[in-house]
Amino acid sequence: MWFLDRNRCLCHPDGSRRLADNALVALTLLIAESKPEDKATMVTLVVNLINQDN
């Protein structure tokens, strides 16, 4: 959360949240529980989900 907030990825320009708290928890668990060889793919997936253009 701190990283996303600091990099202005947590909220839309109007102040609304990009992702709900439970979605952030699910994405964090997805990355944490993925196989080590799949972590880069999972991180890329999450980055694409929270991309500024979305």
N, C-alpha and C. Protein backbone atom coordinates (compact mmCIF):
# COMPACT_ATOMS: atom_id res chain seq x y z
N MET A 1 0.82 -1.18 0.00
CA MET A 1 0.00 0.00 0.00
C MET A 1 0.87 1.26 0.00
N TRP A 2 1.89 1.25 0.83
CA TRP A 2 2.78 2.41 0.91
C TRP A 2 3.45 2.65 -0.44
N PHE A 3 3.95 1.58 -1.06
CA PHE A 3 4.62 1.71 -2.36
C PHE A 3 3.65 2.26 -3.40
N LEU A 4 2.45 1.73 -3.46
CA LEU A 4 1.46 2.20 -4.43
C LEU A 4 1.09 3.66 -4.18
N ASP A 5 0.91 4.02 -2.93
CA ASP A 5 0.56 5.40 -2.59
C ASP A 5 1.70 6.35 -2.93
N ARG A 6 2.90 5.97 -2.60
CA ARG A 6 4.07 6.82 -2.86
C ARG A 6 4.29 7.03 -4.36
N ASN A 7 3.97 6.02 -5.16
CA ASN A 7 4.13 6.12 -6.60
C ASN A 7 2.85 6.54 -7.32
N ARG A 8 1.91 7.04 -6.55
CA ARG A 8 0.64 7.57 -7.07
C ARG A 8 -0.11 6.56 -7.94
N CYS A 9 -0.10 5.30 -7.50
CA CYS A 9 -0.81 4.24 -8.22
C CYS A 9 -2.01 3.74 -7.43
N LEU A 10 -2.18 4.20 -6.23
CA LEU A 10 -3.25 3.70 -5.37
C LEU A 10 -4.60 4.32 -5.71
N CYS A 11 -4.59 5.57 -6.15
CA CYS A 11 -5.85 6.28 -6.41
C CYS A 11 -5.87 6.88 -7.81
N HIS A 12 -7.08 7.07 -8.31
CA HIS A 12 -7.29 7.80 -9.56
C HIS A 12 -7.05 9.29 -9.30
N PRO A 13 -6.87 10.08 -10.36
CA PRO A 13 -6.68 11.53 -10.16
C PRO A 13 -7.82 12.20 -9.38
N ASP A 14 -9.03 11.66 -9.48
CA ASP A 14 -10.16 12.25 -8.74
C ASP A 14 -10.20 11.83 -7.27
N GLY A 15 -9.24 11.00 -6.84
CA GLY A 15 -9.16 10.57 -5.44
C GLY A 15 -9.79 9.24 -5.14
N SER A 16 -10.52 8.65 -6.08
CA SER A 16 -11.12 7.34 -5.84
C SER A 16 -10.06 6.25 -5.94
N ARG A 17 -10.28 5.17 -5.20
CA ARG A 17 -9.31 4.07 -5.16
C ARG A 17 -9.31 3.29 -6.46
N ARG A 18 -8.15 2.86 -6.92
CA ARG A 18 -8.03 2.03 -8.12
C ARG A 18 -8.48 0.61 -7.83
N LEU A 19 -8.08 0.09 -6.68
CA LEU A 19 -8.42 -1.27 -6.29
C LEU A 19 -8.93 -1.28 -4.85
N ALA A 20 -9.90 -2.12 -4.59
CA ALA A 20 -10.40 -2.28 -3.23
C ALA A 20 -9.35 -3.01 -2.38
N ASP A 21 -9.44 -2.85 -1.08
CA ASP A 21 -8.48 -3.49 -0.18
C ASP A 21 -8.44 -5.00 -0.36
N ASN A 22 -9.61 -5.63 -0.51
CA ASN A 22 -9.63 -7.08 -0.65
C ASN A 22 -8.99 -7.51 -1.98
N ALA A 23 -9.07 -6.69 -3.01
CA ALA A 23 -8.40 -7.00 -4.28
C ALA A 23 -6.89 -6.91 -4.11
N LEU A 24 -6.42 -5.92 -3.37
CA LEU A 24 -4.98 -5.80 -3.11
C LEU A 24 -4.46 -6.99 -2.33
N VAL A 25 -5.23 -7.44 -1.35
CA VAL A 25 -4.84 -8.62 -0.57
C VAL A 25 -4.78 -9.84 -1.47
N ALA A 26 -5.77 -10.02 -2.31
CA ALA A 26 -5.79 -11.18 -3.21
C ALA A 26 -4.60 -11.15 -4.17
N LEU A 27 -4.27 -9.99 -4.72
CA LEU A 27 -3.14 -9.90 -5.63
C LEU A 27 -1.81 -10.16 -4.91
N THR A 28 -1.71 -9.67 -3.68
CA THR A 28 -0.50 -9.92 -2.89
C THR A 28 -0.33 -11.41 -2.62
N LEU A 29 -1.42 -12.07 -2.25
CA LEU A 29 -1.36 -13.51 -2.00
C LEU A 29 -1.06 -14.29 -3.28
N LEU A 30 -1.59 -13.83 -4.39
CA LEU A 30 -1.32 -14.47 -5.67
C LEU A 30 0.18 -14.46 -5.96
N ILE A 31 0.81 -13.34 -5.76
CA ILE A 31 2.26 -13.24 -5.99
C ILE A 31 3.02 -14.07 -4.96
N ALA A 32 2.64 -13.96 -3.69
CA ALA A 32 3.36 -14.66 -2.63
C ALA A 32 3.28 -16.17 -2.77
N GLU A 33 2.16 -16.68 -3.23
CA GLU A 33 1.97 -18.12 -3.32
C GLU A 33 2.38 -18.71 -4.68
N SER A 34 2.77 -17.87 -5.61
CA SER A 34 3.15 -18.38 -6.93
C SER A 34 4.51 -19.07 -6.87
N LYS A 35 4.75 -19.93 -7.82
CA LYS A 35 6.03 -20.61 -7.91
C LYS A 35 7.12 -19.58 -8.19
N PRO A 36 8.33 -19.80 -7.67
CA PRO A 36 9.41 -18.83 -7.89
C PRO A 36 9.65 -18.51 -9.37
N GLU A 37 9.53 -19.50 -10.23
CA GLU A 37 9.76 -19.25 -11.65
C GLU A 37 8.62 -18.47 -12.31
N ASP A 38 7.48 -18.36 -11.63
CA ASP A 38 6.33 -17.62 -12.17
C ASP A 38 6.17 -16.23 -11.56
N LYS A 39 7.01 -15.87 -10.58
CA LYS A 39 6.84 -14.60 -9.89
C LYS A 39 6.94 -13.40 -10.83
N ALA A 40 7.89 -13.42 -11.75
CA ALA A 40 8.03 -12.29 -12.68
C ALA A 40 6.77 -12.11 -13.52
N THR A 41 6.17 -13.21 -13.94
CA THR A 41 4.94 -13.14 -14.72
C THR A 41 3.81 -12.57 -13.87
N MET A 42 3.71 -13.00 -12.63
CA MET A 42 2.66 -12.51 -11.74
C MET A 42 2.83 -11.02 -11.44
N VAL A 43 4.06 -10.60 -11.21
CA VAL A 43 4.32 -9.18 -10.95
C VAL A 43 3.94 -8.35 -12.17
N THR A 44 4.30 -8.82 -13.36
CA THR A 44 3.94 -8.12 -14.59
C THR A 44 2.42 -8.02 -14.73
N LEU A 45 1.73 -9.09 -14.39
CA LEU A 45 0.26 -9.09 -14.44
C LEU A 45 -0.32 -8.03 -13.52
N VAL A 46 0.17 -7.96 -12.29
CA VAL A 46 -0.34 -6.99 -11.33
C VAL A 46 -0.01 -5.58 -11.77
N VAL A 47 1.19 -5.37 -12.26
CA VAL A 47 1.57 -4.03 -12.74
C VAL A 47 0.65 -3.59 -13.86
N ASN A 48 0.33 -4.51 -14.76
CA ASN A 48 -0.60 -4.17 -15.85
C ASN A 48 -2.00 -3.87 -15.33
N LEU A 49 -2.40 -4.51 -14.25
CA LEU A 49 -3.72 -4.26 -13.67
C LEU A 49 -3.82 -2.86 -13.05
N ILE A 50 -2.73 -2.39 -12.46
CA ILE A 50 -2.77 -1.11 -11.78
C ILE A 50 -2.08 0.00 -12.58
N ASN A 51 -1.84 -0.26 -13.83
CA ASN A 51 -1.20 0.70 -14.71
C ASN A 51 -1.97 2.01 -14.69
N GLN A 52 -1.26 3.10 -14.81
CA GLN A 52 -1.86 4.44 -14.79
C GLN A 52 -2.90 4.63 -15.88
N ASP A 53 -2.78 3.90 -17.00
CA ASP A 53 -3.69 4.08 -18.12
C ASP A 53 -5.03 3.38 -17.92
N ASN A 54 -5.16 2.58 -16.88
CA ASN A 54 -6.41 1.84 -16.63
C ASN A 54 -7.38 2.66 -15.81
